N, C-alpha and C. Protein backbone atom coordinates (compact mmCIF):
# COMPACT_ATOMS: atom_id res chain seq x y z
N MET A 1 107.44 5.64 5.98
CA MET A 1 107.05 6.56 4.86
C MET A 1 106.25 5.49 4.47
N ILE A 2 105.45 6.77 3.17
CA ILE A 2 103.56 6.67 3.25
C ILE A 2 103.93 5.76 1.61
N ASN A 3 102.94 4.90 0.70
CA ASN A 3 103.47 4.62 -0.25
C ASN A 3 102.04 4.71 -0.89
N TYR A 4 101.87 5.30 -2.08
CA TYR A 4 100.76 5.36 -2.21
C TYR A 4 100.22 5.20 -3.91
N GLU A 5 99.15 3.77 -4.20
CA GLU A 5 99.17 3.61 -5.20
C GLU A 5 97.55 3.84 -5.62
N TRP A 6 98.04 4.41 -6.93
CA TRP A 6 96.52 5.21 -7.80
C TRP A 6 96.60 4.36 -9.16
N LYS A 7 95.33 4.14 -9.40
CA LYS A 7 94.30 3.67 -10.16
C LYS A 7 93.76 4.93 -10.50
N ILE A 8 93.54 4.50 -11.67
CA ILE A 8 92.86 5.29 -12.56
C ILE A 8 91.55 4.49 -12.97
N THR A 9 90.65 4.48 -12.90
CA THR A 9 89.79 2.98 -12.70
C THR A 9 88.40 3.56 -14.27
N GLU A 10 88.69 4.55 -14.49
CA GLU A 10 87.09 5.11 -15.69
C GLU A 10 87.46 6.77 -15.72
N ILE A 11 87.64 6.82 -17.06
CA ILE A 11 88.12 8.40 -17.62
C ILE A 11 86.20 8.50 -18.01
N THR A 12 86.10 10.41 -18.28
CA THR A 12 85.45 10.43 -19.65
C THR A 12 85.71 11.49 -20.16
N ALA A 13 85.75 11.78 -21.82
CA ALA A 13 86.05 12.21 -22.51
C ALA A 13 85.29 12.99 -23.59
N ASP A 14 85.69 14.20 -23.89
CA ASP A 14 84.62 15.57 -24.75
C ASP A 14 85.70 15.06 -26.23
N ASP A 15 84.97 13.64 -27.13
CA ASP A 15 86.27 13.66 -28.03
C ASP A 15 87.36 13.37 -27.48
N GLU A 16 88.48 14.73 -27.41
CA GLU A 16 89.88 13.95 -27.30
C GLU A 16 90.44 14.46 -26.27
N LEU A 17 89.99 15.09 -25.51
CA LEU A 17 89.82 15.96 -24.09
C LEU A 17 88.87 15.46 -22.93
N ILE A 18 89.73 14.76 -21.63
CA ILE A 18 89.12 14.43 -20.48
C ILE A 18 88.88 14.72 -19.81
N THR A 19 87.71 14.96 -19.98
CA THR A 19 87.41 15.87 -18.56
C THR A 19 87.05 15.65 -16.97
N HIS A 20 87.28 14.06 -17.34
CA HIS A 20 86.81 13.88 -15.76
C HIS A 20 86.92 12.01 -15.77
N ALA A 21 87.48 12.09 -14.27
CA ALA A 21 88.25 11.01 -13.78
C ALA A 21 87.70 9.91 -12.75
N LYS A 22 87.57 8.53 -12.73
CA LYS A 22 87.53 8.32 -11.27
C LYS A 22 88.97 7.44 -10.46
N TYR A 23 88.93 7.26 -9.94
CA TYR A 23 90.50 7.21 -8.98
C TYR A 23 90.21 6.26 -8.13
N HIS A 24 90.77 5.55 -7.63
CA HIS A 24 90.92 4.79 -6.05
C HIS A 24 92.54 4.21 -5.82
N ILE A 25 92.73 4.72 -4.83
CA ILE A 25 93.78 5.17 -4.20
C ILE A 25 94.08 4.13 -2.96
N VAL A 26 95.19 3.63 -2.73
CA VAL A 26 95.51 2.94 -1.68
C VAL A 26 96.93 2.95 -0.65
N ALA A 27 96.59 3.72 0.44
CA ALA A 27 97.92 3.94 0.67
C ALA A 27 98.34 3.19 2.13
N ASN A 28 99.66 3.33 1.93
CA ASN A 28 100.27 2.11 3.23
C ASN A 28 101.44 2.04 3.59
N ASP A 29 101.31 2.04 5.24
CA ASP A 29 102.94 2.32 6.06
C ASP A 29 103.30 0.60 6.42
N GLU A 30 104.44 0.71 7.01
CA GLU A 30 105.09 -0.52 7.46
C GLU A 30 104.04 -1.75 8.73
N GLU A 31 102.47 -0.37 8.77
CA GLU A 31 102.06 -1.37 9.98
C GLU A 31 100.82 -1.56 9.07
N ASN A 32 100.11 -0.17 8.46
CA ASN A 32 98.69 -0.11 7.88
C ASN A 32 98.07 -0.16 6.50
N SER A 33 97.52 0.24 5.94
CA SER A 33 96.58 0.35 4.97
C SER A 33 95.01 1.29 5.01
N VAL A 34 95.01 2.10 4.41
CA VAL A 34 93.59 2.84 4.12
C VAL A 34 93.61 2.80 2.52
N GLU A 35 92.21 3.02 2.25
CA GLU A 35 92.44 4.05 0.64
C GLU A 35 90.62 4.15 0.27
N THR A 36 91.02 5.39 -0.23
CA THR A 36 89.67 6.48 -0.67
C THR A 36 89.49 6.00 -2.69
N GLU A 37 87.83 5.80 -2.62
CA GLU A 37 88.24 6.73 -4.27
C GLU A 37 87.44 7.64 -4.29
N GLY A 38 87.06 8.43 -5.47
CA GLY A 38 86.18 9.50 -5.89
C GLY A 38 86.76 9.87 -7.19
N ASN A 39 85.68 10.85 -7.65
CA ASN A 39 85.94 11.79 -8.98
C ASN A 39 86.23 12.49 -8.97
N TRP A 40 86.89 13.23 -10.07
CA TRP A 40 87.43 14.26 -9.68
C TRP A 40 87.09 15.03 -12.11
N TRP A 41 87.06 16.08 -11.40
CA TRP A 41 86.13 16.86 -13.58
C TRP A 41 87.73 18.09 -13.20
N PHE A 42 88.14 17.50 -14.06
CA PHE A 42 89.02 18.78 -14.29
C PHE A 42 88.81 20.18 -14.84
N SER A 43 88.93 21.12 -13.71
CA SER A 43 88.61 22.40 -14.16
C SER A 43 90.30 23.04 -15.24
N ASP A 44 90.96 22.49 -15.64
CA ASP A 44 91.84 22.83 -16.85
C ASP A 44 91.94 21.62 -17.59
N LYS A 45 89.95 22.43 -18.32
CA LYS A 45 90.36 21.26 -20.42
C LYS A 45 91.24 21.79 -20.87
N ILE A 46 92.64 21.71 -21.17
CA ILE A 46 93.66 22.19 -22.53
C ILE A 46 93.57 20.66 -22.59
N LEU A 47 93.90 20.78 -23.52
CA LEU A 47 94.36 19.14 -24.67
C LEU A 47 95.62 19.55 -24.83
N ASN A 48 96.48 19.56 -23.69
CA ASN A 48 97.71 18.58 -23.66
C ASN A 48 98.69 16.79 -24.72
N LYS A 49 98.12 16.28 -24.98
CA LYS A 49 97.65 15.37 -25.49
C LYS A 49 97.42 15.17 -26.07
N PRO A 50 97.47 14.22 -27.25
CA PRO A 50 96.54 13.41 -28.15
C PRO A 50 95.86 12.16 -27.31
N LEU A 51 94.35 11.66 -27.04
CA LEU A 51 94.12 11.06 -25.50
C LEU A 51 94.77 9.26 -26.31
N ALA A 52 95.14 8.83 -27.02
CA ALA A 52 95.64 7.42 -27.65
C ALA A 52 96.95 7.88 -26.70
N ASP A 53 98.33 8.48 -26.75
CA ASP A 53 98.87 8.69 -26.46
C ASP A 53 99.01 9.18 -24.21
N ILE A 54 97.70 9.58 -24.07
CA ILE A 54 98.09 9.32 -22.82
C ILE A 54 97.98 8.26 -21.60
N LYS A 55 99.14 8.60 -20.92
CA LYS A 55 98.81 6.86 -19.37
C LYS A 55 98.72 7.59 -18.26
N GLU A 56 98.45 6.67 -17.51
CA GLU A 56 97.81 6.83 -16.01
C GLU A 56 98.37 7.47 -15.57
N GLU A 57 99.17 7.64 -15.55
CA GLU A 57 100.19 8.05 -15.02
C GLU A 57 100.00 9.80 -15.38
N ASP A 58 100.20 10.29 -16.80
CA ASP A 58 99.48 11.45 -16.27
C ASP A 58 98.68 12.01 -15.52
N ILE A 59 96.98 11.16 -15.53
CA ILE A 59 95.84 11.33 -15.25
C ILE A 59 96.57 11.82 -13.80
N VAL A 60 97.01 10.49 -12.99
CA VAL A 60 97.33 10.97 -11.59
C VAL A 60 98.04 12.29 -11.24
N LEU A 61 98.99 12.28 -12.07
CA LEU A 61 99.94 13.69 -11.85
C LEU A 61 98.96 15.44 -11.73
N TRP A 62 97.84 15.17 -13.47
CA TRP A 62 96.86 16.58 -13.35
C TRP A 62 95.62 16.01 -11.87
N ILE A 63 95.55 15.02 -11.67
CA ILE A 63 94.83 15.38 -10.20
C ILE A 63 95.44 15.82 -8.98
N THR A 64 96.70 15.74 -9.02
CA THR A 64 97.59 15.87 -7.95
C THR A 64 97.74 16.89 -7.97
N ASN A 65 98.29 17.36 -9.34
CA ASN A 65 98.33 19.24 -9.50
C ASN A 65 97.27 19.83 -9.12
N GLU A 66 96.19 19.12 -9.16
CA GLU A 66 94.67 19.64 -9.66
C GLU A 66 94.38 20.03 -8.06
N THR A 67 94.59 18.86 -7.26
CA THR A 67 94.42 18.64 -5.62
C THR A 67 95.23 19.65 -4.57
N THR A 68 96.67 20.18 -4.86
CA THR A 68 97.80 20.54 -4.16
C THR A 68 97.46 21.70 -3.76
N ILE A 69 97.11 22.13 -2.41
CA ILE A 69 97.44 23.94 -2.46
C ILE A 69 98.16 23.94 -1.64
N ASN A 70 99.16 25.09 -1.18
CA ASN A 70 100.31 25.45 -0.94
C ASN A 70 101.15 23.97 -0.46
N GLY A 71 101.52 23.02 -1.12
CA GLY A 71 101.93 22.19 -1.70
C GLY A 71 101.62 20.93 -0.42
N VAL A 72 100.38 20.58 -0.48
CA VAL A 72 100.14 19.73 -0.08
C VAL A 72 98.63 19.07 -0.59
N CYS A 73 98.67 18.66 -1.24
CA CYS A 73 97.85 17.54 -1.81
C CYS A 73 96.57 17.03 -1.14
N HIS A 74 95.15 17.59 -0.82
CA HIS A 74 94.78 17.24 0.67
C HIS A 74 94.10 15.90 0.24
N ILE A 75 94.05 15.11 -1.04
CA ILE A 75 93.52 13.44 -1.33
C ILE A 75 94.62 12.46 -0.43
N THR A 76 95.79 12.90 -1.31
CA THR A 76 96.76 11.40 -0.08
C THR A 76 97.04 13.09 1.83
N ASN A 77 96.79 13.62 1.06
CA ASN A 77 96.83 14.44 2.96
C ASN A 77 96.24 13.80 4.23
N ASN A 78 95.15 13.65 3.30
CA ASN A 78 93.35 12.56 4.05
C ASN A 78 93.96 11.42 4.74
N LEU A 79 94.68 10.74 3.26
CA LEU A 79 95.56 9.95 3.88
C LEU A 79 96.38 9.29 5.13
N LYS A 80 97.17 10.23 4.59
CA LYS A 80 98.23 10.11 5.73
C LYS A 80 97.70 10.16 7.06
N ASN A 81 96.96 11.37 7.00
CA ASN A 81 95.79 11.52 8.11
C ASN A 81 95.17 10.51 9.04
N GLN A 82 95.26 9.76 8.27
CA GLN A 82 93.95 8.24 8.35
C GLN A 82 95.24 7.71 9.37
N LEU A 83 95.60 6.86 8.62
CA LEU A 83 97.14 6.43 8.93
C LEU A 83 97.07 6.76 10.19
N THR A 84 98.42 7.92 10.36
CA THR A 84 98.59 8.06 11.97
C THR A 84 97.71 8.04 12.42
N SER A 85 96.23 8.66 12.74
CA SER A 85 94.82 8.21 13.38
C SER A 85 94.58 6.52 13.41
N LEU A 86 95.52 5.47 12.94
CA LEU A 86 95.71 4.31 13.46
C LEU A 86 96.87 4.12 14.16
N LYS A 87 97.68 4.03 14.21
CA LYS A 87 99.20 4.22 15.05
C LYS A 87 98.73 5.07 16.32
N ILE A 88 97.83 5.74 15.79
CA ILE A 88 97.37 6.62 17.68
C ILE A 88 96.20 5.85 18.38
N ASN A 89 95.41 5.50 18.09
CA ASN A 89 93.97 4.96 18.32
C ASN A 89 94.71 3.58 18.53
N LYS A 90 93.68 2.64 19.49
CA LYS A 90 94.46 1.74 19.92
C LYS A 90 92.95 0.34 19.75
N LYS A 91 93.21 -0.38 18.55
CA LYS A 91 91.99 -1.91 18.54
C LYS A 91 91.30 -1.80 19.63
N ALA A 92 89.63 -1.81 19.39
CA ALA A 92 89.25 -2.70 20.52
C ALA A 92 88.11 -3.68 19.90
N GLN A 93 88.42 -5.07 21.01
CA GLN A 93 87.70 -6.24 20.13
C GLN A 93 86.41 -4.86 20.26
N LEU A 94 85.43 -5.77 19.47
CA LEU A 94 83.88 -5.89 19.16
C LEU A 94 83.06 -6.13 20.27
N PRO A 95 82.03 -5.49 20.72
CA PRO A 95 81.84 -5.58 22.12
C PRO A 95 80.16 -7.16 21.01
N TRP A 96 80.10 -7.85 19.95
CA TRP A 96 79.18 -8.46 19.62
C TRP A 96 80.26 -9.89 19.28
N GLN A 97 81.09 -9.42 19.09
CA GLN A 97 81.85 -11.13 19.52
C GLN A 97 82.78 -11.62 19.67
N PRO A 98 82.44 -13.21 19.89
CA PRO A 98 83.01 -13.30 21.43
C PRO A 98 84.45 -13.03 21.44
N LEU A 99 85.14 -13.27 22.66
CA LEU A 99 86.02 -12.71 23.14
C LEU A 99 87.00 -14.32 22.28
N LYS A 100 88.58 -13.86 22.02
CA LYS A 100 89.89 -14.63 22.14
C LYS A 100 90.83 -14.69 22.10
N ILE A 101 90.63 -15.76 22.99
CA ILE A 101 92.29 -15.26 23.80
C ILE A 101 92.78 -17.10 23.85
N ASN A 102 94.29 -16.13 23.78
CA ASN A 102 95.18 -17.17 23.73
C ASN A 102 95.61 -18.37 24.29
N ILE A 103 95.57 -19.83 24.04
CA ILE A 103 95.53 -20.36 25.14
C ILE A 103 97.56 -20.26 26.12
N GLY A 104 98.14 -19.82 25.60
CA GLY A 104 99.24 -19.82 26.32
C GLY A 104 98.59 -18.40 27.82
N GLU A 105 97.43 -17.87 27.55
CA GLU A 105 97.70 -16.75 28.35
C GLU A 105 96.34 -17.14 29.95
N ILE A 106 95.91 -18.77 29.58
CA ILE A 106 95.27 -19.04 30.55
C ILE A 106 96.45 -19.56 31.33
């Protein structure tokens, strides 16, 4: 199971209407984590709630609603694909770093 932790780090508003949000997301499973950040400019600029009553969860919901097509949120789907890739690909030693050898292997 993948856990997505959203943080809204900045918003832009026109009076009471939020028009833009900057976000940061960390996705993690049992083994790995990946993260991304981005900006979202809302296309549905309708004031449903006074600015003082808006919570971070509201903005996350609005972003996921606007980025979901055919039941798939493209932001979280990209993170899911990155986690899948990390499971498939084997980590390799960086050629410019010294080799790490376990004493028990000698």
